[in-house]
Amino acid sequence: MSQIINLPWLSRTLEVVDSTDPTLVGVSGTVMDETRRTITVQTVSKDITMAKDTIRFTIEDEEIEGSAVGQRPEDRIGKTYRRS
């Protein structure tokens, strides 16, 4: 796992690769906000807020399981993660 998980995600491009909600698969855009349980992405047409625990996404070609990053961004940045 690269260091992208420990960096701020604001203004980075996110793409959903898997989700329990099939309408979210393929959504891509710029991360506008992140909270403990949600990520808000600005797409071409609108802003979409998604629950982290229901999606798997990529940022800078690094795939991240949303349920593994279910904490506030300021807590996620300093945390150590196991390599999968």
N, C-alpha and C. Protein backbone atom coordinates (compact mmCIF):
# COMPACT_ATOMS: atom_id res chain seq x y z
N MET A 1 0.85 -1.18 0.00
CA MET A 1 0.00 0.00 0.00
C MET A 1 0.90 1.24 0.00
N SER A 2 0.62 2.14 -0.89
CA SER A 2 1.46 3.33 -0.98
C SER A 2 1.07 4.32 0.12
N GLN A 3 1.69 5.45 0.10
CA GLN A 3 1.47 6.45 1.13
C GLN A 3 0.24 7.31 0.88
N ILE A 4 -0.48 7.12 -0.24
CA ILE A 4 -1.64 7.97 -0.54
C ILE A 4 -2.69 7.87 0.55
N ILE A 5 -2.77 6.75 1.22
CA ILE A 5 -3.76 6.58 2.29
C ILE A 5 -3.47 7.51 3.46
N ASN A 6 -2.21 7.91 3.62
CA ASN A 6 -1.82 8.79 4.72
C ASN A 6 -1.72 10.26 4.31
N LEU A 7 -2.13 10.57 3.10
CA LEU A 7 -2.09 11.95 2.63
C LEU A 7 -3.50 12.54 2.57
N PRO A 8 -3.62 13.85 2.59
CA PRO A 8 -4.94 14.46 2.41
C PRO A 8 -5.48 14.15 1.01
N TRP A 9 -6.78 13.91 0.91
CA TRP A 9 -7.40 13.55 -0.36
C TRP A 9 -8.11 14.71 -1.03
N LEU A 10 -8.24 15.85 -0.38
CA LEU A 10 -8.94 16.98 -0.97
C LEU A 10 -8.27 17.38 -2.28
N SER A 11 -9.08 17.65 -3.29
CA SER A 11 -8.64 18.06 -4.63
C SER A 11 -7.98 16.96 -5.43
N ARG A 12 -8.04 15.74 -4.97
CA ARG A 12 -7.51 14.61 -5.73
C ARG A 12 -8.66 13.94 -6.49
N THR A 13 -8.31 13.24 -7.56
CA THR A 13 -9.32 12.56 -8.37
C THR A 13 -9.61 11.19 -7.79
N LEU A 14 -10.88 10.91 -7.58
CA LEU A 14 -11.36 9.65 -7.01
C LEU A 14 -12.25 8.97 -8.03
N GLU A 15 -12.14 7.63 -8.12
CA GLU A 15 -13.05 6.85 -8.96
C GLU A 15 -13.53 5.65 -8.18
N VAL A 16 -14.84 5.44 -8.15
CA VAL A 16 -15.44 4.31 -7.44
C VAL A 16 -15.33 3.08 -8.34
N VAL A 17 -14.70 2.00 -7.84
CA VAL A 17 -14.55 0.78 -8.64
C VAL A 17 -15.52 -0.31 -8.21
N ASP A 18 -16.04 -0.23 -6.98
CA ASP A 18 -17.01 -1.22 -6.50
C ASP A 18 -17.85 -0.59 -5.40
N SER A 19 -19.11 -0.99 -5.34
CA SER A 19 -20.01 -0.44 -4.34
C SER A 19 -21.19 -1.37 -4.13
N THR A 20 -21.77 -1.30 -2.93
CA THR A 20 -23.01 -2.05 -2.69
C THR A 20 -24.17 -1.38 -3.41
N ASP A 21 -24.01 -0.12 -3.80
CA ASP A 21 -24.99 0.60 -4.60
C ASP A 21 -24.49 0.64 -6.04
N PRO A 22 -25.09 -0.12 -6.94
CA PRO A 22 -24.58 -0.19 -8.31
C PRO A 22 -24.57 1.14 -9.06
N THR A 23 -25.36 2.11 -8.63
CA THR A 23 -25.38 3.40 -9.31
C THR A 23 -24.12 4.22 -9.03
N LEU A 24 -23.35 3.85 -8.02
CA LEU A 24 -22.13 4.59 -7.69
C LEU A 24 -20.90 4.07 -8.42
N VAL A 25 -20.96 2.85 -8.94
CA VAL A 25 -19.81 2.26 -9.64
C VAL A 25 -19.52 3.09 -10.88
N GLY A 26 -18.27 3.50 -11.02
CA GLY A 26 -17.86 4.32 -12.16
C GLY A 26 -17.90 5.81 -11.91
N VAL A 27 -18.44 6.25 -10.77
CA VAL A 27 -18.47 7.68 -10.44
C VAL A 27 -17.03 8.15 -10.25
N SER A 28 -16.69 9.24 -10.91
CA SER A 28 -15.35 9.80 -10.72
C SER A 28 -15.45 11.32 -10.68
N GLY A 29 -14.52 11.90 -9.95
CA GLY A 29 -14.51 13.34 -9.82
C GLY A 29 -13.48 13.77 -8.80
N THR A 30 -13.57 15.01 -8.39
CA THR A 30 -12.63 15.61 -7.46
C THR A 30 -13.19 15.55 -6.04
N VAL A 31 -12.37 15.12 -5.10
CA VAL A 31 -12.79 15.06 -3.70
C VAL A 31 -12.92 16.48 -3.17
N MET A 32 -14.13 16.81 -2.72
CA MET A 32 -14.39 18.15 -2.21
C MET A 32 -14.43 18.20 -0.68
N ASP A 33 -14.82 17.08 -0.04
CA ASP A 33 -14.93 17.04 1.41
C ASP A 33 -14.82 15.60 1.87
N GLU A 34 -14.30 15.42 3.06
CA GLU A 34 -14.21 14.10 3.66
C GLU A 34 -14.54 14.22 5.14
N THR A 35 -15.41 13.36 5.62
CA THR A 35 -15.71 13.29 7.04
C THR A 35 -15.38 11.88 7.52
N ARG A 36 -15.76 11.59 8.74
CA ARG A 36 -15.48 10.28 9.31
C ARG A 36 -16.10 9.15 8.48
N ARG A 37 -17.31 9.35 8.02
CA ARG A 37 -18.02 8.28 7.33
C ARG A 37 -18.34 8.55 5.87
N THR A 38 -18.10 9.76 5.38
CA THR A 38 -18.49 10.09 4.00
C THR A 38 -17.38 10.77 3.22
N ILE A 39 -17.51 10.70 1.91
CA ILE A 39 -16.65 11.43 0.98
C ILE A 39 -17.57 12.14 0.01
N THR A 40 -17.33 13.43 -0.23
CA THR A 40 -18.10 14.19 -1.21
C THR A 40 -17.23 14.41 -2.44
N VAL A 41 -17.77 14.01 -3.59
CA VAL A 41 -17.04 14.09 -4.86
C VAL A 41 -17.79 15.03 -5.79
N GLN A 42 -17.07 15.95 -6.41
CA GLN A 42 -17.66 16.84 -7.40
C GLN A 42 -17.45 16.22 -8.78
N THR A 43 -18.56 15.82 -9.41
CA THR A 43 -18.51 15.28 -10.76
C THR A 43 -18.81 16.41 -11.74
N VAL A 44 -18.89 16.09 -13.01
CA VAL A 44 -19.17 17.09 -14.03
C VAL A 44 -20.54 17.72 -13.81
N SER A 45 -21.52 16.90 -13.39
CA SER A 45 -22.89 17.40 -13.30
C SER A 45 -23.33 17.82 -11.90
N LYS A 46 -22.79 17.19 -10.84
CA LYS A 46 -23.26 17.50 -9.48
C LYS A 46 -22.28 16.98 -8.44
N ASP A 47 -22.52 17.36 -7.19
CA ASP A 47 -21.75 16.83 -6.06
C ASP A 47 -22.46 15.59 -5.53
N ILE A 48 -21.68 14.54 -5.26
CA ILE A 48 -22.24 13.29 -4.75
C ILE A 48 -21.56 12.97 -3.43
N THR A 49 -22.36 12.73 -2.39
CA THR A 49 -21.83 12.31 -1.10
C THR A 49 -22.06 10.81 -0.95
N MET A 50 -20.97 10.09 -0.66
CA MET A 50 -21.02 8.63 -0.57
C MET A 50 -20.53 8.17 0.80
N ALA A 51 -21.12 7.10 1.29
CA ALA A 51 -20.65 6.50 2.54
C ALA A 51 -19.36 5.72 2.25
N LYS A 52 -18.35 5.92 3.07
CA LYS A 52 -17.07 5.24 2.85
C LYS A 52 -17.20 3.73 2.96
N ASP A 53 -18.01 3.26 3.91
CA ASP A 53 -18.07 1.82 4.16
C ASP A 53 -18.80 1.03 3.09
N THR A 54 -19.36 1.69 2.09
CA THR A 54 -20.07 0.98 1.02
C THR A 54 -19.34 1.01 -0.31
N ILE A 55 -18.15 1.64 -0.36
CA ILE A 55 -17.46 1.76 -1.63
C ILE A 55 -16.00 1.29 -1.54
N ARG A 56 -15.48 0.90 -2.69
CA ARG A 56 -14.04 0.68 -2.89
C ARG A 56 -13.66 1.62 -4.02
N PHE A 57 -12.60 2.39 -3.85
CA PHE A 57 -12.28 3.45 -4.79
C PHE A 57 -10.79 3.53 -5.04
N THR A 58 -10.44 4.28 -6.08
CA THR A 58 -9.03 4.51 -6.39
C THR A 58 -8.74 6.01 -6.32
N ILE A 59 -7.57 6.30 -5.80
CA ILE A 59 -7.01 7.65 -5.83
C ILE A 59 -5.57 7.49 -6.30
N GLU A 60 -5.23 8.15 -7.40
CA GLU A 60 -3.88 8.06 -7.98
C GLU A 60 -3.47 6.61 -8.19
N ASP A 61 -4.34 5.82 -8.80
CA ASP A 61 -4.10 4.41 -9.14
C ASP A 61 -3.88 3.50 -7.93
N GLU A 62 -4.19 3.97 -6.75
CA GLU A 62 -4.11 3.15 -5.53
C GLU A 62 -5.53 2.79 -5.10
N GLU A 63 -5.83 1.50 -5.04
CA GLU A 63 -7.18 1.06 -4.65
C GLU A 63 -7.29 1.03 -3.13
N ILE A 64 -8.37 1.61 -2.64
CA ILE A 64 -8.59 1.74 -1.20
C ILE A 64 -9.96 1.19 -0.85
N GLU A 65 -10.01 0.34 0.16
CA GLU A 65 -11.28 -0.18 0.68
C GLU A 65 -11.83 0.87 1.64
N GLY A 66 -13.00 1.40 1.32
CA GLY A 66 -13.58 2.48 2.11
C GLY A 66 -13.80 2.14 3.57
N SER A 67 -14.16 0.89 3.86
CA SER A 67 -14.40 0.50 5.24
C SER A 67 -13.12 0.50 6.08
N ALA A 68 -11.97 0.46 5.43
CA ALA A 68 -10.69 0.47 6.15
C ALA A 68 -10.29 1.87 6.58
N VAL A 69 -10.92 2.90 6.02
CA VAL A 69 -10.55 4.28 6.33
C VAL A 69 -11.73 5.02 6.95
N GLY A 70 -12.41 4.37 7.86
CA GLY A 70 -13.59 4.94 8.49
C GLY A 70 -13.28 5.78 9.70
N GLN A 71 -12.40 6.75 9.56
CA GLN A 71 -12.11 7.68 10.64
C GLN A 71 -11.97 9.08 10.05
N ARG A 72 -11.86 10.06 10.92
CA ARG A 72 -11.73 11.43 10.45
C ARG A 72 -10.42 11.58 9.67
N PRO A 73 -10.40 12.47 8.69
CA PRO A 73 -9.18 12.64 7.89
C PRO A 73 -7.95 12.96 8.73
N GLU A 74 -8.11 13.78 9.75
CA GLU A 74 -6.95 14.14 10.57
C GLU A 74 -6.42 12.95 11.38
N ASP A 75 -7.28 11.97 11.67
CA ASP A 75 -6.83 10.76 12.35
C ASP A 75 -6.23 9.77 11.36
N ARG A 76 -6.77 9.72 10.14
CA ARG A 76 -6.30 8.80 9.11
C ARG A 76 -4.89 9.13 8.67
N ILE A 77 -4.55 10.42 8.62
CA ILE A 77 -3.26 10.85 8.10
C ILE A 77 -2.11 10.32 8.96
N GLY A 78 -2.26 10.23 10.26
CA GLY A 78 -1.18 9.78 11.12
C GLY A 78 -1.20 8.30 11.45
N LYS A 79 -2.18 7.56 10.96
CA LYS A 79 -2.34 6.15 11.32
C LYS A 79 -1.45 5.24 10.48
N THR A 80 -1.01 4.14 11.07
CA THR A 80 -0.25 3.12 10.36
C THR A 80 -1.19 2.02 9.92
N TYR A 81 -1.10 1.60 8.66
CA TYR A 81 -1.97 0.57 8.09
C TYR A 81 -1.16 -0.66 7.75
N ARG A 82 -1.80 -1.82 7.87
CA ARG A 82 -1.17 -3.07 7.45
C ARG A 82 -1.16 -3.15 5.94
N ARG A 83 -0.13 -3.77 5.42
CA ARG A 83 -0.10 -4.02 3.97
C ARG A 83 -0.98 -5.22 3.67
N SER A 84 -1.77 -5.10 2.59
CA SER A 84 -2.65 -6.22 2.26
C SER A 84 -2.15 -7.01 1.09
